[in-house]
Amino acid sequence: MNNNRMYDKIFAIFGTIMVFFYFGLAIFILTTDLFDIDKALRIILAVPLFIYALYRVFLSYEKIKESFFGKNEDEK
């Protein structure tokens, strides 16, 4: 069972890294001039990414709290 707990910790950390990726991608889409995309389309693409990143923040928080600070099945 300790192996599953280790995987949970790894996935919790990976999920947190992905949150930064989603926030960064949303900001990149809004601010870059590398692509010839209309400003309205940039906003349409960036806002759902930003909302999804906020959603993932809460999921990552719960997963980290459970994985790193929760009681193990053997400890109960």
PDB file of N, CA and C in Angstrom:
ATOM      1  N   MET A   1       0.818  -1.204   0.000  1.00  0.00           N
ATOM      2  CA  MET A   1       0.000   0.000   0.000  1.00  0.00           C
ATOM      3  C   MET A   1       0.859   1.264   0.000  1.00  0.00           C
ATOM      4  N   ASN A   2       2.076   1.165   0.483  1.00  0.00           N
ATOM      5  CA  ASN A   2       2.953   2.322   0.509  1.00  0.00           C
ATOM      6  C   ASN A   2       3.287   2.786  -0.904  1.00  0.00           C
ATOM      7  N   ASN A   3       3.329   1.841  -1.848  1.00  0.00           N
ATOM      8  CA  ASN A   3       3.621   2.166  -3.235  1.00  0.00           C
ATOM      9  C   ASN A   3       2.512   3.045  -3.826  1.00  0.00           C
ATOM     10  N   ASN A   4       1.264   2.743  -3.504  1.00  0.00           N
ATOM     11  CA  ASN A   4       0.144   3.563  -3.988  1.00  0.00           C
ATOM     12  C   ASN A   4       0.212   4.977  -3.430  1.00  0.00           C
ATOM     13  N   ARG A   5       0.618   5.094  -2.187  1.00  0.00           N
ATOM     14  CA  ARG A   5       0.738   6.414  -1.563  1.00  0.00           C
ATOM     15  C   ARG A   5       1.833   7.233  -2.245  1.00  0.00           C
ATOM     16  N   MET A   6       2.916   6.565  -2.650  1.00  0.00           N
ATOM     17  CA  MET A   6       3.989   7.260  -3.356  1.00  0.00           C
ATOM     18  C   MET A   6       3.492   7.774  -4.710  1.00  0.00           C
ATOM     19  N   TYR A   7       2.733   6.945  -5.422  1.00  0.00           N
ATOM     20  CA  TYR A   7       2.171   7.370  -6.708  1.00  0.00           C
ATOM     21  C   TYR A   7       1.204   8.538  -6.526  1.00  0.00           C
ATOM     22  N   ASP A   8       0.421   8.515  -5.463  1.00  0.00           N
ATOM     23  CA  ASP A   8      -0.485   9.633  -5.190  1.00  0.00           C
ATOM     24  C   ASP A   8       0.289  10.933  -4.992  1.00  0.00           C
ATOM     25  N   LYS A   9       1.419  10.864  -4.294  1.00  0.00           N
ATOM     26  CA  LYS A   9       2.235  12.058  -4.080  1.00  0.00           C
ATOM     27  C   LYS A   9       2.819  12.565  -5.392  1.00  0.00           C
ATOM     28  N   ILE A  10       3.300  11.647  -6.233  1.00  0.00           N
ATOM     29  CA  ILE A  10       3.874  12.040  -7.520  1.00  0.00           C
ATOM     30  C   ILE A  10       2.814  12.702  -8.391  1.00  0.00           C
ATOM     31  N   PHE A  11       1.618  12.116  -8.439  1.00  0.00           N
ATOM     32  CA  PHE A  11       0.550  12.691  -9.256  1.00  0.00           C
ATOM     33  C   PHE A  11       0.059  14.022  -8.687  1.00  0.00           C
ATOM     34  N   ALA A  12       0.099  14.186  -7.376  1.00  0.00           N
ATOM     35  CA  ALA A  12      -0.280  15.465  -6.775  1.00  0.00           C
ATOM     36  C   ALA A  12       0.709  16.556  -7.179  1.00  0.00           C
ATOM     37  N   ILE A  13       1.988  16.235  -7.175  1.00  0.00           N
ATOM     38  CA  ILE A  13       3.007  17.203  -7.590  1.00  0.00           C
ATOM     39  C   ILE A  13       2.871  17.505  -9.075  1.00  0.00           C
ATOM     40  N   PHE A  14       2.657  16.480  -9.891  1.00  0.00           N
ATOM     41  CA  PHE A  14       2.486  16.684 -11.330  1.00  0.00           C
ATOM     42  C   PHE A  14       1.263  17.559 -11.609  1.00  0.00           C
ATOM     43  N   GLY A  15       0.184  17.341 -10.881  1.00  0.00           N
ATOM     44  CA  GLY A  15      -1.013  18.162 -11.047  1.00  0.00           C
ATOM     45  C   GLY A  15      -0.755  19.619 -10.721  1.00  0.00           C
ATOM     46  N   THR A  16       0.069  19.865  -9.713  1.00  0.00           N
ATOM     47  CA  THR A  16       0.418  21.233  -9.354  1.00  0.00           C
ATOM     48  C   THR A  16       1.262  21.888 -10.443  1.00  0.00           C
ATOM     49  N   ILE A  17       2.185  21.135 -11.013  1.00  0.00           N
ATOM     50  CA  ILE A  17       2.995  21.661 -12.119  1.00  0.00           C
ATOM     51  C   ILE A  17       2.102  22.006 -13.308  1.00  0.00           C
ATOM     52  N   MET A  18       1.118  21.164 -13.575  1.00  0.00           N
ATOM     53  CA  MET A  18       0.217  21.419 -14.696  1.00  0.00           C
ATOM     54  C   MET A  18      -0.627  22.671 -14.473  1.00  0.00           C
ATOM     55  N   VAL A  19      -0.936  22.995 -13.223  1.00  0.00           N
ATOM     56  CA  VAL A  19      -1.665  24.232 -12.927  1.00  0.00           C
ATOM     57  C   VAL A  19      -0.866  25.434 -13.423  1.00  0.00           C
ATOM     58  N   PHE A  20       0.436  25.441 -13.133  1.00  0.00           N
ATOM     59  CA  PHE A  20       1.281  26.542 -13.612  1.00  0.00           C
ATOM     60  C   PHE A  20       1.336  26.568 -15.133  1.00  0.00           C
ATOM     61  N   PHE A  21       1.336  25.398 -15.760  1.00  0.00           N
ATOM     62  CA  PHE A  21       1.332  25.335 -17.218  1.00  0.00           C
ATOM     63  C   PHE A  21       0.058  25.956 -17.786  1.00  0.00           C
ATOM     64  N   TYR A  22      -1.099  25.618 -17.208  1.00  0.00           N
ATOM     65  CA  TYR A  22      -2.369  26.158 -17.703  1.00  0.00           C
ATOM     66  C   TYR A  22      -2.446  27.669 -17.516  1.00  0.00           C
ATOM     67  N   PHE A  23      -2.014  28.167 -16.348  1.00  0.00           N
ATOM     68  CA  PHE A  23      -1.989  29.615 -16.138  1.00  0.00           C
ATOM     69  C   PHE A  23      -1.043  30.284 -17.129  1.00  0.00           C
ATOM     70  N   GLY A  24       0.132  29.695 -17.316  1.00  0.00           N
ATOM     71  CA  GLY A  24       1.108  30.263 -18.242  1.00  0.00           C
ATOM     72  C   GLY A  24       0.609  30.273 -19.668  1.00  0.00           C
ATOM     73  N   LEU A  25      -0.050  29.195 -20.082  1.00  0.00           N
ATOM     74  CA  LEU A  25      -0.579  29.124 -21.438  1.00  0.00           C
ATOM     75  C   LEU A  25      -1.683  30.158 -21.649  1.00  0.00           C
ATOM     76  N   ALA A  26      -2.532  30.347 -20.654  1.00  0.00           N
ATOM     77  CA  ALA A  26      -3.594  31.353 -20.771  1.00  0.00           C
ATOM     78  C   ALA A  26      -3.001  32.752 -20.904  1.00  0.00           C
ATOM     79  N   ILE A  27      -2.002  33.055 -20.104  1.00  0.00           N
ATOM     80  CA  ILE A  27      -1.364  34.370 -20.180  1.00  0.00           C
ATOM     81  C   ILE A  27      -0.617  34.525 -21.500  1.00  0.00           C
ATOM     82  N   PHE A  28       0.040  33.459 -21.944  1.00  0.00           N
ATOM     83  CA  PHE A  28       0.763  33.497 -23.219  1.00  0.00           C
ATOM     84  C   PHE A  28      -0.188  33.776 -24.377  1.00  0.00           C
ATOM     85  N   ILE A  29      -1.327  33.102 -24.388  1.00  0.00           N
ATOM     86  CA  ILE A  29      -2.299  33.308 -25.469  1.00  0.00           C
ATOM     87  C   ILE A  29      -2.820  34.742 -25.464  1.00  0.00           C
ATOM     88  N   LEU A  30      -3.039  35.294 -24.273  1.00  0.00           N
ATOM     89  CA  LEU A  30      -3.556  36.665 -24.189  1.00  0.00           C
ATOM     90  C   LEU A  30      -2.537  37.717 -24.612  1.00  0.00           C
ATOM     91  N   THR A  31      -1.278  37.479 -24.331  1.00  0.00           N
ATOM     92  CA  THR A  31      -0.295  38.550 -24.492  1.00  0.00           C
ATOM     93  C   THR A  31       0.617  38.416 -25.703  1.00  0.00           C
ATOM     94  N   THR A  32       0.652  37.281 -26.369  1.00  0.00           N
ATOM     95  CA  THR A  32       1.629  37.091 -27.441  1.00  0.00           C
ATOM     96  C   THR A  32       1.169  37.694 -28.765  1.00  0.00           C
ATOM     97  N   ASP A  33       2.146  38.091 -29.536  1.00  0.00           N
ATOM     98  CA  ASP A  33       1.890  38.553 -30.893  1.00  0.00           C
ATOM     99  C   ASP A  33       2.496  37.589 -31.910  1.00  0.00           C
ATOM    100  N   LEU A  34       2.889  36.414 -31.456  1.00  0.00           N
ATOM    101  CA  LEU A  34       3.503  35.431 -32.349  1.00  0.00           C
ATOM    102  C   LEU A  34       2.508  34.856 -33.351  1.00  0.00           C
ATOM    103  N   PHE A  35       1.259  34.758 -32.945  1.00  0.00           N
ATOM    104  CA  PHE A  35       0.230  34.203 -33.816  1.00  0.00           C
ATOM    105  C   PHE A  35      -0.669  35.332 -34.303  1.00  0.00           C
ATOM    106  N   ASP A  36      -1.148  35.202 -35.507  1.00  0.00           N
ATOM    107  CA  ASP A  36      -2.046  36.211 -36.068  1.00  0.00           C
ATOM    108  C   ASP A  36      -3.486  35.822 -35.731  1.00  0.00           C
ATOM    109  N   ILE A  37      -3.832  36.020 -34.452  1.00  0.00           N
ATOM    110  CA  ILE A  37      -5.159  35.655 -33.960  1.00  0.00           C
ATOM    111  C   ILE A  37      -5.852  36.925 -33.471  1.00  0.00           C
ATOM    112  N   ASP A  38      -7.125  37.034 -33.778  1.00  0.00           N
ATOM    113  CA  ASP A  38      -7.928  38.171 -33.343  1.00  0.00           C
ATOM    114  C   ASP A  38      -7.986  38.225 -31.813  1.00  0.00           C
ATOM    115  N   LYS A  39      -8.056  39.426 -31.262  1.00  0.00           N
ATOM    116  CA  LYS A  39      -8.079  39.605 -29.806  1.00  0.00           C
ATOM    117  C   LYS A  39      -9.272  38.893 -29.163  1.00  0.00           C
ATOM    118  N   ALA A  40     -10.424  38.928 -29.804  1.00  0.00           N
ATOM    119  CA  ALA A  40     -11.609  38.263 -29.252  1.00  0.00           C
ATOM    120  C   ALA A  40     -11.398  36.752 -29.185  1.00  0.00           C
ATOM    121  N   LEU A  41     -10.789  36.175 -30.203  1.00  0.00           N
ATOM    122  CA  LEU A  41     -10.523  34.740 -30.200  1.00  0.00           C
ATOM    123  C   LEU A  41      -9.491  34.379 -29.138  1.00  0.00           C
ATOM    124  N   ARG A  42      -8.520  35.253 -28.916  1.00  0.00           N
ATOM    125  CA  ARG A  42      -7.543  35.020 -27.843  1.00  0.00           C
ATOM    126  C   ARG A  42      -8.241  34.951 -26.488  1.00  0.00           C
ATOM    127  N   ILE A  43      -9.171  35.869 -26.279  1.00  0.00           N
ATOM    128  CA  ILE A  43      -9.901  35.885 -25.008  1.00  0.00           C
ATOM    129  C   ILE A  43     -10.763  34.633 -24.882  1.00  0.00           C
ATOM    130  N   ILE A  44     -11.407  34.237 -25.980  1.00  0.00           N
ATOM    131  CA  ILE A  44     -12.244  33.034 -25.964  1.00  0.00           C
ATOM    132  C   ILE A  44     -11.411  31.795 -25.642  1.00  0.00           C
ATOM    133  N   LEU A  45     -10.180  31.746 -26.090  1.00  0.00           N
ATOM    134  CA  LEU A  45      -9.307  30.610 -25.794  1.00  0.00           C
ATOM    135  C   LEU A  45      -8.708  30.686 -24.390  1.00  0.00           C
ATOM    136  N   ALA A  46      -8.359  31.882 -23.944  1.00  0.00           N
ATOM    137  CA  ALA A  46      -7.641  32.035 -22.683  1.00  0.00           C
ATOM    138  C   ALA A  46      -8.540  31.930 -21.456  1.00  0.00           C
ATOM    139  N   VAL A  47      -9.754  32.424 -21.545  1.00  0.00           N
ATOM    140  CA  VAL A  47     -10.638  32.416 -20.370  1.00  0.00           C
ATOM    141  C   VAL A  47     -10.970  30.995 -19.905  1.00  0.00           C
ATOM    142  N   PRO A  48     -11.348  30.064 -20.784  1.00  0.00           N
ATOM    143  CA  PRO A  48     -11.571  28.695 -20.300  1.00  0.00           C
ATOM    144  C   PRO A  48     -10.308  28.046 -19.726  1.00  0.00           C
ATOM    145  N   LEU A  49      -9.152  28.345 -20.310  1.00  0.00           N
ATOM    146  CA  LEU A  49      -7.904  27.826 -19.750  1.00  0.00           C
ATOM    147  C   LEU A  49      -7.680  28.363 -18.342  1.00  0.00           C
ATOM    148  N   PHE A  50      -7.941  29.632 -18.153  1.00  0.00           N
ATOM    149  CA  PHE A  50      -7.773  30.248 -16.842  1.00  0.00           C
ATOM    150  C   PHE A  50      -8.753  29.657 -15.830  1.00  0.00           C
ATOM    151  N   ILE A  51     -10.002  29.479 -16.236  1.00  0.00           N
ATOM    152  CA  ILE A  51     -11.009  28.890 -15.346  1.00  0.00           C
ATOM    153  C   ILE A  51     -10.636  27.450 -15.001  1.00  0.00           C
ATOM    154  N   TYR A  52     -10.167  26.697 -15.995  1.00  0.00           N
ATOM    155  CA  TYR A  52      -9.745  25.318 -15.747  1.00  0.00           C
ATOM    156  C   TYR A  52      -8.548  25.282 -14.797  1.00  0.00           C
ATOM    157  N   ALA A  53      -7.641  26.237 -14.933  1.00  0.00           N
ATOM    158  CA  ALA A  53      -6.495  26.297 -14.028  1.00  0.00           C
ATOM    159  C   ALA A  53      -6.954  26.562 -12.595  1.00  0.00           C
ATOM    160  N   LEU A  54      -7.926  27.448 -12.429  1.00  0.00           N
ATOM    161  CA  LEU A  54      -8.468  27.697 -11.086  1.00  0.00           C
ATOM    162  C   LEU A  54      -9.117  26.443 -10.510  1.00  0.00           C
ATOM    163  N   TYR A  55      -9.846  25.727 -11.346  1.00  0.00           N
ATOM    164  CA  TYR A  55     -10.457  24.468 -10.921  1.00  0.00           C
ATOM    165  C   TYR A  55      -9.380  23.474 -10.484  1.00  0.00           C
ATOM    166  N   ARG A  56      -8.299  23.386 -11.255  1.00  0.00           N
ATOM    167  CA  ARG A  56      -7.222  22.460 -10.925  1.00  0.00           C
ATOM    168  C   ARG A  56      -6.475  22.871  -9.657  1.00  0.00           C
ATOM    169  N   VAL A  57      -6.459  24.174  -9.346  1.00  0.00           N
ATOM    170  CA  VAL A  57      -5.841  24.627  -8.095  1.00  0.00           C
ATOM    171  C   VAL A  57      -6.555  23.980  -6.917  1.00  0.00           C
ATOM    172  N   PHE A  58      -7.875  24.012  -6.930  1.00  0.00           N
ATOM    173  CA  PHE A  58      -8.631  23.428  -5.827  1.00  0.00           C
ATOM    174  C   PHE A  58      -8.473  21.915  -5.777  1.00  0.00           C
ATOM    175  N   LEU A  59      -8.467  21.262  -6.939  1.00  0.00           N
ATOM    176  CA  LEU A  59      -8.247  19.817  -6.956  1.00  0.00           C
ATOM    177  C   LEU A  59      -6.855  19.461  -6.449  1.00  0.00           C
ATOM    178  N   SER A  60      -5.859  20.210  -6.869  1.00  0.00           N
ATOM    179  CA  SER A  60      -4.487  19.944  -6.439  1.00  0.00           C
ATOM    180  C   SER A  60      -4.333  20.167  -4.942  1.00  0.00           C
ATOM    181  N   TYR A  61      -4.979  21.203  -4.434  1.00  0.00           N
ATOM    182  CA  TYR A  61      -4.916  21.465  -2.998  1.00  0.00           C
ATOM    183  C   TYR A  61      -5.473  20.287  -2.205  1.00  0.00           C
ATOM    184  N   GLU A  62      -6.627  19.798  -2.614  1.00  0.00           N
ATOM    185  CA  GLU A  62      -7.229  18.658  -1.922  1.00  0.00           C
ATOM    186  C   GLU A  62      -6.356  17.408  -2.043  1.00  0.00           C
ATOM    187  N   LYS A  63      -5.789  17.174  -3.222  1.00  0.00           N
ATOM    188  CA  LYS A  63      -4.958  15.991  -3.442  1.00  0.00           C
ATOM    189  C   LYS A  63      -3.675  16.067  -2.619  1.00  0.00           C
ATOM    190  N   ILE A  64      -3.060  17.242  -2.552  1.00  0.00           N
ATOM    191  CA  ILE A  64      -1.843  17.401  -1.751  1.00  0.00           C
ATOM    192  C   ILE A  64      -2.159  17.240  -0.273  1.00  0.00           C
ATOM    193  N   LYS A  65      -3.270  17.823   0.163  1.00  0.00           N
ATOM    194  CA  LYS A  65      -3.663  17.700   1.568  1.00  0.00           C
ATOM    195  C   LYS A  65      -3.891  16.237   1.932  1.00  0.00           C
ATOM    196  N   GLU A  66      -4.532  15.500   1.035  1.00  0.00           N
ATOM    197  CA  GLU A  66      -4.808  14.087   1.285  1.00  0.00           C
ATOM    198  C   GLU A  66      -3.538  13.240   1.205  1.00  0.00           C
ATOM    199  N   SER A  67      -2.698  13.486   0.212  1.00  0.00           N
ATOM    200  CA  SER A  67      -1.528  12.642  -0.020  1.00  0.00           C
ATOM    201  C   SER A  67      -0.415  12.883   0.989  1.00  0.00           C
ATOM    202  N   PHE A  68      -0.167  14.138   1.319  1.00  0.00           N
ATOM    203  CA  PHE A  68       0.968  14.453   2.172  1.00  0.00           C
ATOM    204  C   PHE A  68       0.599  14.589   3.647  1.00  0.00           C
ATOM    205  N   PHE A  69      -0.612  15.012   3.942  1.00  0.00           N
ATOM    206  CA  PHE A  69      -0.978  15.299   5.324  1.00  0.00           C
ATOM    207  C   PHE A  69      -2.111  14.425   5.854  1.00  0.00           C
ATOM    208  N   GLY A  70      -2.659  13.552   5.016  1.00  0.00           N
ATOM    209  CA  GLY A  70      -3.744  12.680   5.447  1.00  0.00           C
ATOM    210  C   GLY A  70      -3.216  11.451   6.162  1.00  0.00           C
ATOM    211  N   LYS A  71      -4.079  10.827   6.896  1.00  0.00           N
ATOM    212  CA  LYS A  71      -3.717   9.595   7.595  1.00  0.00           C
ATOM    213  C   LYS A  71      -3.642   8.444   6.608  1.00  0.00           C
ATOM    214  N   ASN A  72      -2.664   7.605   6.785  1.00  0.00           N
ATOM    215  CA  ASN A  72      -2.509   6.401   5.981  1.00  0.00           C
ATOM    216  C   ASN A  72      -3.484   5.341   6.488  1.00  0.00           C
ATOM    217  N   GLU A  73      -3.865   4.381   5.635  1.00  0.00           N
ATOM    218  CA  GLU A  73      -4.780   3.319   6.067  1.00  0.00           C
ATOM    219  C   GLU A  73      -4.176   2.498   7.204  1.00  0.00           C
ATOM    220  N   ASP A  74      -2.854   2.328   7.192  1.00  0.00           N
ATOM    221  CA  ASP A  74      -2.186   1.549   8.231  1.00  0.00           C
ATOM    222  C   ASP A  74      -2.117   2.297   9.555  1.00  0.00           C
ATOM    223  N   GLU A  75      -2.175   3.613   9.520  1.00  0.00           N
ATOM    224  CA  GLU A  75      -2.060   4.421  10.729  1.00  0.00           C
ATOM    225  C   GLU A  75      -3.386   4.579  11.459  1.00  0.00           C
ATOM    226  N   LYS A  76      -4.502   4.279  10.820  1.00  0.00           N
ATOM    227  CA  LYS A  76      -5.819   4.489  11.434  1.00  0.00           C
ATOM    228  C   LYS A  76      -6.093   3.524  12.535  1.00  0.00           C
TER     229      LYS A  76
END
